[in-house]
Amino acid sequence: MRRVPQKRRIPVRLCYFEPLPIMKLAGFLLLISGWCLVVAALGMLPASGARAAFVVAGAAVEIVGLVLAIRAHLPPRNKTLRAVSGMEGMR
């Protein structure tokens, strides 16, 4: 009996599915909430250490939101893309 050579499977994506932009949304919500925290601290607290602490905390929340939003907009690396698409064992 003659063996038929097997064809090499080539992975094909029929469509590109982009996951929900939860990371982008979280980053922008953190930016807004940090800004609101700073504005509320400046308006409600007297000039003291508590006001400074809330302003620093609000600025830290804004920085975390900015970093999260920037990382959400970066394109995926090839290694990560292969792992997500199920093509990691095809080479």
N, C-alpha and C. Protein backbone atom coordinates (compact mmCIF):
# COMPACT_ATOMS: atom_id res chain seq x y z
N MET A 1 0.83 -1.17 0.00
CA MET A 1 0.00 0.00 0.00
C MET A 1 0.89 1.25 0.00
N ARG A 2 0.62 2.14 -0.88
CA ARG A 2 1.42 3.34 -1.04
C ARG A 2 0.94 4.43 -0.09
N ARG A 3 1.90 5.06 0.59
CA ARG A 3 1.56 6.15 1.53
C ARG A 3 1.44 7.46 0.78
N VAL A 4 0.39 8.15 1.09
CA VAL A 4 0.16 9.47 0.49
C VAL A 4 0.82 10.50 1.39
N PRO A 5 1.70 11.33 0.83
CA PRO A 5 2.34 12.35 1.68
C PRO A 5 1.30 13.33 2.21
N GLN A 6 1.48 13.67 3.46
CA GLN A 6 0.54 14.59 4.10
C GLN A 6 0.90 16.02 3.73
N LYS A 7 -0.12 16.79 3.49
CA LYS A 7 0.10 18.20 3.18
C LYS A 7 0.36 18.95 4.47
N ARG A 8 1.19 19.96 4.38
CA ARG A 8 1.48 20.78 5.54
C ARG A 8 0.32 21.75 5.76
N ARG A 9 -0.16 21.77 6.98
CA ARG A 9 -1.28 22.66 7.31
C ARG A 9 -0.79 24.10 7.44
N ILE A 10 -1.47 24.97 6.78
CA ILE A 10 -1.15 26.40 6.87
C ILE A 10 -2.30 27.06 7.62
N PRO A 11 -2.00 27.67 8.77
CA PRO A 11 -3.08 28.32 9.52
C PRO A 11 -3.59 29.56 8.78
N VAL A 12 -4.89 29.65 8.67
CA VAL A 12 -5.52 30.77 7.98
C VAL A 12 -6.52 31.40 8.93
N ARG A 13 -6.43 32.68 9.05
CA ARG A 13 -7.42 33.40 9.84
C ARG A 13 -8.51 33.89 8.90
N LEU A 14 -9.73 33.51 9.20
CA LEU A 14 -10.83 33.94 8.35
C LEU A 14 -11.25 35.37 8.64
N CYS A 15 -11.09 35.78 9.87
CA CYS A 15 -11.42 37.15 10.22
C CYS A 15 -10.54 37.58 11.39
N TYR A 16 -10.43 38.86 11.58
CA TYR A 16 -9.66 39.38 12.69
C TYR A 16 -10.64 39.86 13.74
N PHE A 17 -10.54 39.30 14.92
CA PHE A 17 -11.42 39.68 16.02
C PHE A 17 -10.63 40.49 17.01
N GLU A 18 -11.02 41.74 17.19
CA GLU A 18 -10.36 42.58 18.17
C GLU A 18 -11.12 42.48 19.49
N PRO A 19 -10.43 42.12 20.56
CA PRO A 19 -11.13 42.00 21.84
C PRO A 19 -11.65 43.35 22.32
N LEU A 20 -12.51 43.30 23.30
CA LEU A 20 -13.08 44.53 23.84
C LEU A 20 -11.97 45.44 24.35
N PRO A 21 -12.09 46.72 24.13
CA PRO A 21 -11.04 47.66 24.55
C PRO A 21 -11.12 47.99 26.04
N ILE A 22 -11.11 46.96 26.88
CA ILE A 22 -11.26 47.18 28.31
C ILE A 22 -10.05 47.92 28.88
N MET A 23 -8.87 47.60 28.39
CA MET A 23 -7.67 48.25 28.90
C MET A 23 -7.65 49.73 28.52
N LYS A 24 -8.09 50.05 27.31
CA LYS A 24 -8.16 51.46 26.89
C LYS A 24 -9.19 52.20 27.74
N LEU A 25 -10.34 51.58 27.92
CA LEU A 25 -11.40 52.21 28.70
C LEU A 25 -10.95 52.44 30.15
N ALA A 26 -10.29 51.44 30.73
CA ALA A 26 -9.81 51.59 32.11
C ALA A 26 -8.78 52.71 32.22
N GLY A 27 -7.89 52.82 31.24
CA GLY A 27 -6.89 53.88 31.26
C GLY A 27 -7.51 55.26 31.21
N PHE A 28 -8.49 55.44 30.32
CA PHE A 28 -9.12 56.75 30.22
C PHE A 28 -9.98 57.06 31.44
N LEU A 29 -10.63 56.06 32.02
CA LEU A 29 -11.40 56.28 33.24
C LEU A 29 -10.49 56.66 34.41
N LEU A 30 -9.30 56.05 34.47
CA LEU A 30 -8.34 56.43 35.51
C LEU A 30 -7.84 57.86 35.31
N LEU A 31 -7.64 58.26 34.07
CA LEU A 31 -7.24 59.65 33.81
C LEU A 31 -8.30 60.62 34.32
N ILE A 32 -9.55 60.34 34.01
CA ILE A 32 -10.64 61.23 34.42
C ILE A 32 -10.80 61.22 35.94
N SER A 33 -10.74 60.04 36.55
CA SER A 33 -10.93 59.98 38.01
C SER A 33 -9.78 60.65 38.76
N GLY A 34 -8.57 60.55 38.26
CA GLY A 34 -7.45 61.25 38.89
C GLY A 34 -7.61 62.75 38.81
N TRP A 35 -8.07 63.23 37.66
CA TRP A 35 -8.31 64.66 37.51
C TRP A 35 -9.41 65.12 38.46
N CYS A 36 -10.49 64.34 38.56
CA CYS A 36 -11.59 64.69 39.47
C CYS A 36 -11.13 64.69 40.93
N LEU A 37 -10.26 63.77 41.27
CA LEU A 37 -9.73 63.71 42.64
C LEU A 37 -8.92 64.96 42.97
N VAL A 38 -8.12 65.41 42.03
CA VAL A 38 -7.32 66.63 42.25
C VAL A 38 -8.24 67.85 42.38
N VAL A 39 -9.21 67.97 41.50
CA VAL A 39 -10.11 69.13 41.54
C VAL A 39 -10.93 69.13 42.83
N ALA A 40 -11.41 67.95 43.25
CA ALA A 40 -12.19 67.86 44.49
C ALA A 40 -11.33 68.20 45.70
N ALA A 41 -10.09 67.75 45.71
CA ALA A 41 -9.21 68.05 46.84
C ALA A 41 -8.92 69.54 46.92
N LEU A 42 -8.71 70.17 45.77
CA LEU A 42 -8.43 71.61 45.79
C LEU A 42 -9.65 72.41 46.24
N GLY A 43 -10.85 71.92 45.91
CA GLY A 43 -12.05 72.67 46.26
C GLY A 43 -12.54 72.44 47.68
N MET A 44 -12.35 71.24 48.22
CA MET A 44 -12.95 70.92 49.51
C MET A 44 -12.01 70.99 50.70
N LEU A 45 -10.76 70.70 50.50
CA LEU A 45 -9.84 70.62 51.64
C LEU A 45 -9.15 71.97 51.87
N PRO A 46 -8.89 72.29 53.13
CA PRO A 46 -8.14 73.52 53.40
C PRO A 46 -6.67 73.34 53.02
N ALA A 47 -5.98 74.43 52.91
CA ALA A 47 -4.57 74.38 52.54
C ALA A 47 -3.79 73.72 53.66
N SER A 48 -3.49 72.46 53.47
CA SER A 48 -2.74 71.72 54.48
C SER A 48 -2.09 70.51 53.83
N GLY A 49 -1.59 69.64 54.70
CA GLY A 49 -0.96 68.42 54.21
C GLY A 49 -1.94 67.46 53.56
N ALA A 50 -3.20 67.50 54.01
CA ALA A 50 -4.22 66.61 53.43
C ALA A 50 -4.48 66.98 51.97
N ARG A 51 -4.52 68.28 51.69
CA ARG A 51 -4.73 68.71 50.31
C ARG A 51 -3.57 68.25 49.43
N ALA A 52 -2.37 68.44 49.92
CA ALA A 52 -1.19 68.01 49.15
C ALA A 52 -1.18 66.51 48.92
N ALA A 53 -1.58 65.75 49.95
CA ALA A 53 -1.62 64.30 49.81
C ALA A 53 -2.64 63.88 48.76
N PHE A 54 -3.81 64.49 48.75
CA PHE A 54 -4.82 64.15 47.76
C PHE A 54 -4.41 64.57 46.35
N VAL A 55 -3.73 65.70 46.24
CA VAL A 55 -3.26 66.13 44.92
C VAL A 55 -2.21 65.16 44.39
N VAL A 56 -1.30 64.73 45.26
CA VAL A 56 -0.28 63.75 44.84
C VAL A 56 -0.94 62.42 44.48
N ALA A 57 -1.93 61.98 45.27
CA ALA A 57 -2.63 60.72 44.97
C ALA A 57 -3.39 60.83 43.64
N GLY A 58 -4.02 61.96 43.40
CA GLY A 58 -4.73 62.16 42.13
C GLY A 58 -3.78 62.17 40.95
N ALA A 59 -2.63 62.81 41.12
CA ALA A 59 -1.63 62.82 40.04
C ALA A 59 -1.10 61.42 39.79
N ALA A 60 -0.94 60.63 40.84
CA ALA A 60 -0.48 59.24 40.67
C ALA A 60 -1.52 58.41 39.92
N VAL A 61 -2.79 58.61 40.21
CA VAL A 61 -3.85 57.91 39.50
C VAL A 61 -3.85 58.32 38.03
N GLU A 62 -3.64 59.59 37.76
CA GLU A 62 -3.57 60.05 36.37
C GLU A 62 -2.39 59.43 35.63
N ILE A 63 -1.25 59.31 36.29
CA ILE A 63 -0.07 58.71 35.65
C ILE A 63 -0.33 57.23 35.36
N VAL A 64 -0.94 56.52 36.29
CA VAL A 64 -1.27 55.11 36.05
C VAL A 64 -2.24 54.99 34.88
N GLY A 65 -3.23 55.86 34.81
CA GLY A 65 -4.17 55.85 33.70
C GLY A 65 -3.51 56.16 32.38
N LEU A 66 -2.58 57.10 32.38
CA LEU A 66 -1.86 57.45 31.15
C LEU A 66 -1.01 56.27 30.67
N VAL A 67 -0.30 55.63 31.58
CA VAL A 67 0.52 54.47 31.21
C VAL A 67 -0.36 53.34 30.66
N LEU A 68 -1.49 53.10 31.30
CA LEU A 68 -2.40 52.05 30.84
C LEU A 68 -2.96 52.37 29.47
N ALA A 69 -3.33 53.61 29.24
CA ALA A 69 -3.87 54.00 27.93
C ALA A 69 -2.80 53.89 26.84
N ILE A 70 -1.58 54.29 27.15
CA ILE A 70 -0.50 54.18 26.15
C ILE A 70 -0.20 52.73 25.84
N ARG A 71 -0.13 51.87 26.86
CA ARG A 71 0.15 50.46 26.62
C ARG A 71 -0.97 49.78 25.86
N ALA A 72 -2.20 50.25 26.03
CA ALA A 72 -3.32 49.66 25.29
C ALA A 72 -3.26 50.01 23.81
N HIS A 73 -2.63 51.13 23.46
CA HIS A 73 -2.56 51.55 22.07
C HIS A 73 -1.33 51.01 21.34
N LEU A 74 -0.43 50.34 22.04
CA LEU A 74 0.75 49.78 21.38
C LEU A 74 0.35 48.55 20.57
N PRO A 75 0.96 48.35 19.39
CA PRO A 75 0.64 47.14 18.62
C PRO A 75 1.22 45.91 19.32
N PRO A 76 0.59 44.75 19.17
CA PRO A 76 1.11 43.54 19.83
C PRO A 76 2.42 43.09 19.19
N ARG A 77 3.24 42.46 19.99
CA ARG A 77 4.50 41.90 19.48
C ARG A 77 4.20 40.61 18.73
N ASN A 78 5.11 40.18 17.87
CA ASN A 78 4.89 38.98 17.07
C ASN A 78 4.73 37.75 17.95
N LYS A 79 5.54 37.63 18.99
CA LYS A 79 5.47 36.47 19.86
C LYS A 79 4.11 36.41 20.55
N THR A 80 3.63 37.53 21.02
CA THR A 80 2.33 37.58 21.67
C THR A 80 1.22 37.29 20.68
N LEU A 81 1.33 37.80 19.46
CA LEU A 81 0.31 37.57 18.45
C LEU A 81 0.21 36.10 18.09
N ARG A 82 1.36 35.43 17.96
CA ARG A 82 1.33 34.00 17.65
C ARG A 82 0.69 33.21 18.76
N ALA A 83 0.98 33.58 20.02
CA ALA A 83 0.43 32.85 21.15
C ALA A 83 -1.08 33.04 21.24
N VAL A 84 -1.56 34.22 20.93
CA VAL A 84 -3.00 34.49 21.01
C VAL A 84 -3.73 33.81 19.87
N SER A 85 -3.16 33.79 18.69
CA SER A 85 -3.86 33.26 17.53
C SER A 85 -3.78 31.75 17.43
N GLY A 86 -3.04 31.08 18.31
CA GLY A 86 -2.95 29.63 18.27
C GLY A 86 -1.93 29.11 17.28
N MET A 87 -1.02 29.96 16.83
CA MET A 87 -0.04 29.55 15.83
C MET A 87 1.34 29.31 16.45
N GLU A 88 1.42 29.14 17.78
CA GLU A 88 2.73 29.02 18.41
C GLU A 88 3.44 27.73 18.05
N GLY A 89 2.73 26.66 17.72
CA GLY A 89 3.39 25.39 17.40
C GLY A 89 3.50 25.11 15.92
N MET A 90 3.26 26.08 15.07
CA MET A 90 3.24 25.86 13.63
C MET A 90 4.59 26.00 12.97
N ARG A 91 5.60 26.46 13.64
CA ARG A 91 6.91 26.61 13.00
C ARG A 91 7.69 25.35 13.02
